[in-house]
């Protein structure tokens, strides 16, 4: 891995830590925007790493409000979300608007609906409380990702680990 790619990965992780401090509710924060961006620029695997670390740091800063085992599961689910999002954007280069829409739907389904469904046996009715904040955070993170990605120079957009 080149120094330039490692530096970008580190900067995105630092941005994720900053976003982890912008809380919506408990550990729900704006920590996934850098991971979504990393999935686009560096690829699905680095994006997955950023998503996992970003959530874990956000939960750590909040004191693991849903317990450590729940946050470990969410950490894994965030990695899956970033991988899916990055893979959809990576493999589909034509039909740009449709690809963006599909990746947003997949990210929303994975990071909100699937998470809450899988968490229900562990935290029961709390999932209903988390639905709105998670939806808001996911949409904001995806929107910021698209805006920033449009503003990034093409030479950085081509900086992939593949």
C-alpha atoms as a PDB file:
ATOM      1  CA  UNK A   1       0.000   0.000   0.000  1.00  0.00           C
ATOM      2  CA  UNK A   2       1.417   3.380  -0.956  1.00  0.00           C
ATOM      3  CA  UNK A   3       2.032   6.171   1.513  1.00  0.00           C
ATOM      4  CA  UNK A   4      -0.588   8.271  -0.272  1.00  0.00           C
ATOM      5  CA  UNK A   5      -3.289   5.605   0.129  1.00  0.00           C
ATOM      6  CA  UNK A   6      -2.359   4.941   3.746  1.00  0.00           C
ATOM      7  CA  UNK A   7      -2.476   8.676   4.454  1.00  0.00           C
ATOM      8  CA  UNK A   8      -5.939   8.954   2.898  1.00  0.00           C
ATOM      9  CA  UNK A   9      -7.133   5.936   4.907  1.00  0.00           C
ATOM     10  CA  UNK A  10      -5.792   7.550   8.096  1.00  0.00           C
ATOM     11  CA  UNK A  11      -7.407  10.894   7.298  1.00  0.00           C
ATOM     12  CA  UNK A  12     -10.753   9.210   6.681  1.00  0.00           C
ATOM     13  CA  UNK A  13     -10.469   7.351   9.988  1.00  0.00           C
ATOM     14  CA  UNK A  14      -9.713  10.648  11.754  1.00  0.00           C
ATOM     15  CA  UNK A  15     -12.778  12.192  10.074  1.00  0.00           C
ATOM     16  CA  UNK A  16     -14.801   9.234  11.301  1.00  0.00           C
ATOM     17  CA  UNK A  17     -13.664   9.911  14.869  1.00  0.00           C
ATOM     18  CA  UNK A  18     -14.709  13.552  14.463  1.00  0.00           C
ATOM     19  CA  UNK A  19     -18.081  12.466  13.074  1.00  0.00           C
ATOM     20  CA  UNK A  20     -18.479  10.086  16.013  1.00  0.00           C
ATOM     21  CA  UNK A  21     -18.644  13.168  18.211  1.00  0.00           C
ATOM     22  CA  UNK A  22     -21.631  14.555  16.290  1.00  0.00           C
ATOM     23  CA  UNK A  23     -24.295  12.488  18.042  1.00  0.00           C
ATOM     24  CA  UNK A  24     -27.927  12.113  17.061  1.00  0.00           C
ATOM     25  CA  UNK A  25     -28.872   9.606  19.785  1.00  0.00           C
ATOM     26  CA  UNK A  26     -26.573   7.442  21.926  1.00  0.00           C
ATOM     27  CA  UNK A  27     -23.993   5.971  19.553  1.00  0.00           C
ATOM     28  CA  UNK A  28     -25.942   7.014  16.435  1.00  0.00           C
ATOM     29  CA  UNK A  29     -23.695   9.667  14.926  1.00  0.00           C
ATOM     30  CA  UNK A  30     -22.258  11.070  11.717  1.00  0.00           C
ATOM     31  CA  UNK A  31     -19.334   8.654  11.761  1.00  0.00           C
ATOM     32  CA  UNK A  32     -20.126   6.667   8.611  1.00  0.00           C
ATOM     33  CA  UNK A  33     -19.743   9.420   5.996  1.00  0.00           C
ATOM     34  CA  UNK A  34     -15.939   8.906   5.829  1.00  0.00           C
ATOM     35  CA  UNK A  35     -16.484   5.142   5.501  1.00  0.00           C
ATOM     36  CA  UNK A  36     -18.943   5.602   2.636  1.00  0.00           C
ATOM     37  CA  UNK A  37     -16.436   7.956   1.020  1.00  0.00           C
ATOM     38  CA  UNK A  38     -13.613   5.492   1.610  1.00  0.00           C
ATOM     39  CA  UNK A  39     -15.690   2.775  -0.049  1.00  0.00           C
ATOM     40  CA  UNK A  40     -15.964   4.957  -3.143  1.00  0.00           C
ATOM     41  CA  UNK A  41     -12.349   6.111  -3.314  1.00  0.00           C
ATOM     42  CA  UNK A  42     -10.346   3.222  -1.867  1.00  0.00           C
ATOM     43  CA  UNK A  43     -12.713   0.324  -2.520  1.00  0.00           C
ATOM     44  CA  UNK A  44     -15.119  -1.897  -0.587  1.00  0.00           C
ATOM     45  CA  UNK A  45     -12.608  -3.523   1.792  1.00  0.00           C
ATOM     46  CA  UNK A  46     -10.996  -0.320   3.105  1.00  0.00           C
ATOM     47  CA  UNK A  47     -14.512   1.154   3.321  1.00  0.00           C
ATOM     48  CA  UNK A  48     -15.593  -1.840   5.403  1.00  0.00           C
ATOM     49  CA  UNK A  49     -12.620  -1.333   7.727  1.00  0.00           C
ATOM     50  CA  UNK A  50     -13.470   2.365   8.086  1.00  0.00           C
ATOM     51  CA  UNK A  51     -17.142   1.574   8.762  1.00  0.00           C
ATOM     52  CA  UNK A  52     -16.317  -0.973  11.439  1.00  0.00           C
ATOM     53  CA  UNK A  53     -13.744   1.198  13.194  1.00  0.00           C
ATOM     54  CA  UNK A  54     -15.917   4.293  12.859  1.00  0.00           C
ATOM     55  CA  UNK A  55     -18.887   2.674  14.570  1.00  0.00           C
ATOM     56  CA  UNK A  56     -16.788   1.047  17.250  1.00  0.00           C
ATOM     57  CA  UNK A  57     -15.122   4.368  18.117  1.00  0.00           C
ATOM     58  CA  UNK A  58     -18.510   6.119  18.126  1.00  0.00           C
ATOM     59  CA  UNK A  59     -19.940   3.483  20.470  1.00  0.00           C
ATOM     60  CA  UNK A  60     -16.829   3.664  22.655  1.00  0.00           C
ATOM     61  CA  UNK A  61     -17.148   7.448  22.970  1.00  0.00           C
ATOM     62  CA  UNK A  62     -20.822   7.012  23.934  1.00  0.00           C
ATOM     63  CA  UNK A  63     -19.938   4.349  26.531  1.00  0.00           C
ATOM     64  CA  UNK A  64     -21.452   1.400  24.628  1.00  0.00           C
ATOM     65  CA  UNK A  65     -25.049   2.413  25.451  1.00  0.00           C
ATOM     66  CA  UNK A  66     -26.522  -0.799  23.999  1.00  0.00           C
ATOM     67  CA  UNK A  67     -23.863  -3.064  25.605  1.00  0.00           C
ATOM     68  CA  UNK A  68     -20.562  -4.231  24.148  1.00  0.00           C
ATOM     69  CA  UNK A  69     -21.930  -7.403  22.462  1.00  0.00           C
ATOM     70  CA  UNK A  70     -24.592  -5.399  20.618  1.00  0.00           C
ATOM     71  CA  UNK A  71     -22.027  -2.882  19.427  1.00  0.00           C
ATOM     72  CA  UNK A  72     -19.690  -5.643  18.258  1.00  0.00           C
ATOM     73  CA  UNK A  73     -22.550  -6.990  16.132  1.00  0.00           C
ATOM     74  CA  UNK A  74     -23.296  -3.495  14.792  1.00  0.00           C
ATOM     75  CA  UNK A  75     -19.587  -3.040  14.041  1.00  0.00           C
ATOM     76  CA  UNK A  76     -19.686  -6.161  11.857  1.00  0.00           C
ATOM     77  CA  UNK A  77     -22.906  -4.996  10.199  1.00  0.00           C
ATOM     78  CA  UNK A  78     -21.350  -1.604   9.418  1.00  0.00           C
ATOM     79  CA  UNK A  79     -18.463  -3.376   7.715  1.00  0.00           C
ATOM     80  CA  UNK A  80     -20.962  -5.358   5.629  1.00  0.00           C
ATOM     81  CA  UNK A  81     -22.886  -2.186   4.752  1.00  0.00           C
ATOM     82  CA  UNK A  82     -19.760  -0.392   3.533  1.00  0.00           C
ATOM     83  CA  UNK A  83     -18.630  -3.406   1.551  1.00  0.00           C
ATOM     84  CA  UNK A  84     -22.009  -3.730  -0.199  1.00  0.00           C
ATOM     85  CA  UNK A  85     -22.183   0.014  -0.890  1.00  0.00           C
ATOM     86  CA  UNK A  86     -18.646   0.091  -2.281  1.00  0.00           C
ATOM     87  CA  UNK A  87     -19.119  -3.068  -4.348  1.00  0.00           C
ATOM     88  CA  UNK A  88     -22.300  -1.766  -5.992  1.00  0.00           C
ATOM     89  CA  UNK A  89     -20.563   1.468  -6.934  1.00  0.00           C
ATOM     90  CA  UNK A  90     -17.422  -0.374  -8.060  1.00  0.00           C
ATOM     91  CA  UNK A  91     -19.041  -2.873 -10.422  1.00  0.00           C
ATOM     92  CA  UNK A  92     -21.637  -0.605 -11.987  1.00  0.00           C
ATOM     93  CA  UNK A  93     -19.991   2.169 -13.979  1.00  0.00           C
ATOM     94  CA  UNK A  94     -22.844   2.888 -16.394  1.00  0.00           C
ATOM     95  CA  UNK A  95     -26.234   4.345 -15.467  1.00  0.00           C
ATOM     96  CA  UNK A  96     -24.692   6.629 -12.828  1.00  0.00           C
ATOM     97  CA  UNK A  97     -27.951   7.924 -11.294  1.00  0.00           C
ATOM     98  CA  UNK A  98     -29.463   4.455 -11.056  1.00  0.00           C
ATOM     99  CA  UNK A  99     -26.278   3.104  -9.479  1.00  0.00           C
ATOM    100  CA  UNK A 100     -26.297   5.872  -6.871  1.00  0.00           C
ATOM    101  CA  UNK A 101     -29.956   5.164  -6.100  1.00  0.00           C
ATOM    102  CA  UNK A 102     -29.386   1.411  -5.820  1.00  0.00           C
ATOM    103  CA  UNK A 103     -26.336   1.907  -3.582  1.00  0.00           C
ATOM    104  CA  UNK A 104     -28.323   4.269  -1.321  1.00  0.00           C
ATOM    105  CA  UNK A 105     -31.192   1.778  -1.034  1.00  0.00           C
ATOM    106  CA  UNK A 106     -28.777  -1.060  -0.279  1.00  0.00           C
ATOM    107  CA  UNK A 107     -26.940   1.047   2.317  1.00  0.00           C
ATOM    108  CA  UNK A 108     -30.214   2.104   3.961  1.00  0.00           C
ATOM    109  CA  UNK A 109     -31.564  -1.447   3.994  1.00  0.00           C
ATOM    110  CA  UNK A 110     -28.320  -2.830   5.391  1.00  0.00           C
ATOM    111  CA  UNK A 111     -27.517  -0.140   7.958  1.00  0.00           C
ATOM    112  CA  UNK A 112     -31.054   0.499   9.233  1.00  0.00           C
ATOM    113  CA  UNK A 113     -33.587  -2.198   8.439  1.00  0.00           C
ATOM    114  CA  UNK A 114     -31.313  -5.250   8.553  1.00  0.00           C
ATOM    115  CA  UNK A 115     -29.477  -3.960  11.641  1.00  0.00           C
ATOM    116  CA  UNK A 116     -32.698  -3.401  13.539  1.00  0.00           C
ATOM    117  CA  UNK A 117     -34.115  -6.746  12.466  1.00  0.00           C
ATOM    118  CA  UNK A 118     -30.991  -8.580  13.644  1.00  0.00           C
ATOM    119  CA  UNK A 119     -30.807  -6.534  16.847  1.00  0.00           C
ATOM    120  CA  UNK A 120     -34.447  -7.098  17.845  1.00  0.00           C
ATOM    121  CA  UNK A 121     -33.774 -10.383  19.711  1.00  0.00           C
ATOM    122  CA  UNK A 122     -31.063  -8.633  21.744  1.00  0.00           C
ATOM    123  CA  UNK A 123     -32.564  -5.214  22.495  1.00  0.00           C
ATOM    124  CA  UNK A 124     -36.273  -5.849  21.867  1.00  0.00           C
ATOM    125  CA  UNK A 125     -38.477  -2.725  21.656  1.00  0.00           C
ATOM    126  CA  UNK A 126     -35.461  -0.407  21.711  1.00  0.00           C
ATOM    127  CA  UNK A 127     -35.178  -0.971  17.955  1.00  0.00           C
ATOM    128  CA  UNK A 128     -38.340   1.113  17.491  1.00  0.00           C
ATOM    129  CA  UNK A 129     -36.713   4.024  19.309  1.00  0.00           C
ATOM    130  CA  UNK A 130     -33.607   3.718  17.120  1.00  0.00           C
ATOM    131  CA  UNK A 131     -35.449   3.628  13.777  1.00  0.00           C
ATOM    132  CA  UNK A 132     -35.856   7.390  13.262  1.00  0.00           C
ATOM    133  CA  UNK A 133     -32.372   8.458  14.468  1.00  0.00           C
ATOM    134  CA  UNK A 134     -30.725   5.723  12.384  1.00  0.00           C
ATOM    135  CA  UNK A 135     -32.718   6.740   9.328  1.00  0.00           C
ATOM    136  CA  UNK A 136     -31.783  10.404   9.787  1.00  0.00           C
ATOM    137  CA  UNK A 137     -28.095   9.617  10.360  1.00  0.00           C
ATOM    138  CA  UNK A 138     -27.909   7.267   7.360  1.00  0.00           C
ATOM    139  CA  UNK A 139     -29.533   9.745   4.980  1.00  0.00           C
ATOM    140  CA  UNK A 140     -27.338  12.614   6.209  1.00  0.00           C
ATOM    141  CA  UNK A 141     -24.176  10.478   5.928  1.00  0.00           C
ATOM    142  CA  UNK A 142     -25.090   9.364   2.398  1.00  0.00           C
ATOM    143  CA  UNK A 143     -25.957  12.906   1.316  1.00  0.00           C
ATOM    144  CA  UNK A 144     -22.685  14.344   2.655  1.00  0.00           C
ATOM    145  CA  UNK A 145     -20.817  11.503   0.926  1.00  0.00           C
ATOM    146  CA  UNK A 146     -22.297  12.326  -2.470  1.00  0.00           C
ATOM    147  CA  UNK A 147     -21.670  16.068  -2.110  1.00  0.00           C
ATOM    148  CA  UNK A 148     -18.051  15.612  -1.017  1.00  0.00           C
ATOM    149  CA  UNK A 149     -17.405  12.938  -3.661  1.00  0.00           C
ATOM    150  CA  UNK A 150     -18.574  15.315  -6.403  1.00  0.00           C
ATOM    151  CA  UNK A 151     -16.141  17.959  -5.114  1.00  0.00           C
ATOM    152  CA  UNK A 152     -13.110  15.651  -4.961  1.00  0.00           C
ATOM    153  CA  UNK A 153     -10.643  15.964  -7.855  1.00  0.00           C
ATOM    154  CA  UNK A 154     -10.587  13.037 -10.311  1.00  0.00           C
ATOM    155  CA  UNK A 155      -6.954  12.178  -9.483  1.00  0.00           C
ATOM    156  CA  UNK A 156      -8.003  11.306  -5.933  1.00  0.00           C
ATOM    157  CA  UNK A 157     -11.147   9.481  -7.097  1.00  0.00           C
ATOM    158  CA  UNK A 158      -8.910   7.113  -9.053  1.00  0.00           C
ATOM    159  CA  UNK A 159      -6.829   6.327  -5.962  1.00  0.00           C
ATOM    160  CA  UNK A 160      -7.895   2.741  -5.414  1.00  0.00           C
ATOM    161  CA  UNK A 161      -6.340  -0.171  -3.589  1.00  0.00           C
ATOM    162  CA  UNK A 162      -7.330  -2.649  -6.307  1.00  0.00           C
END
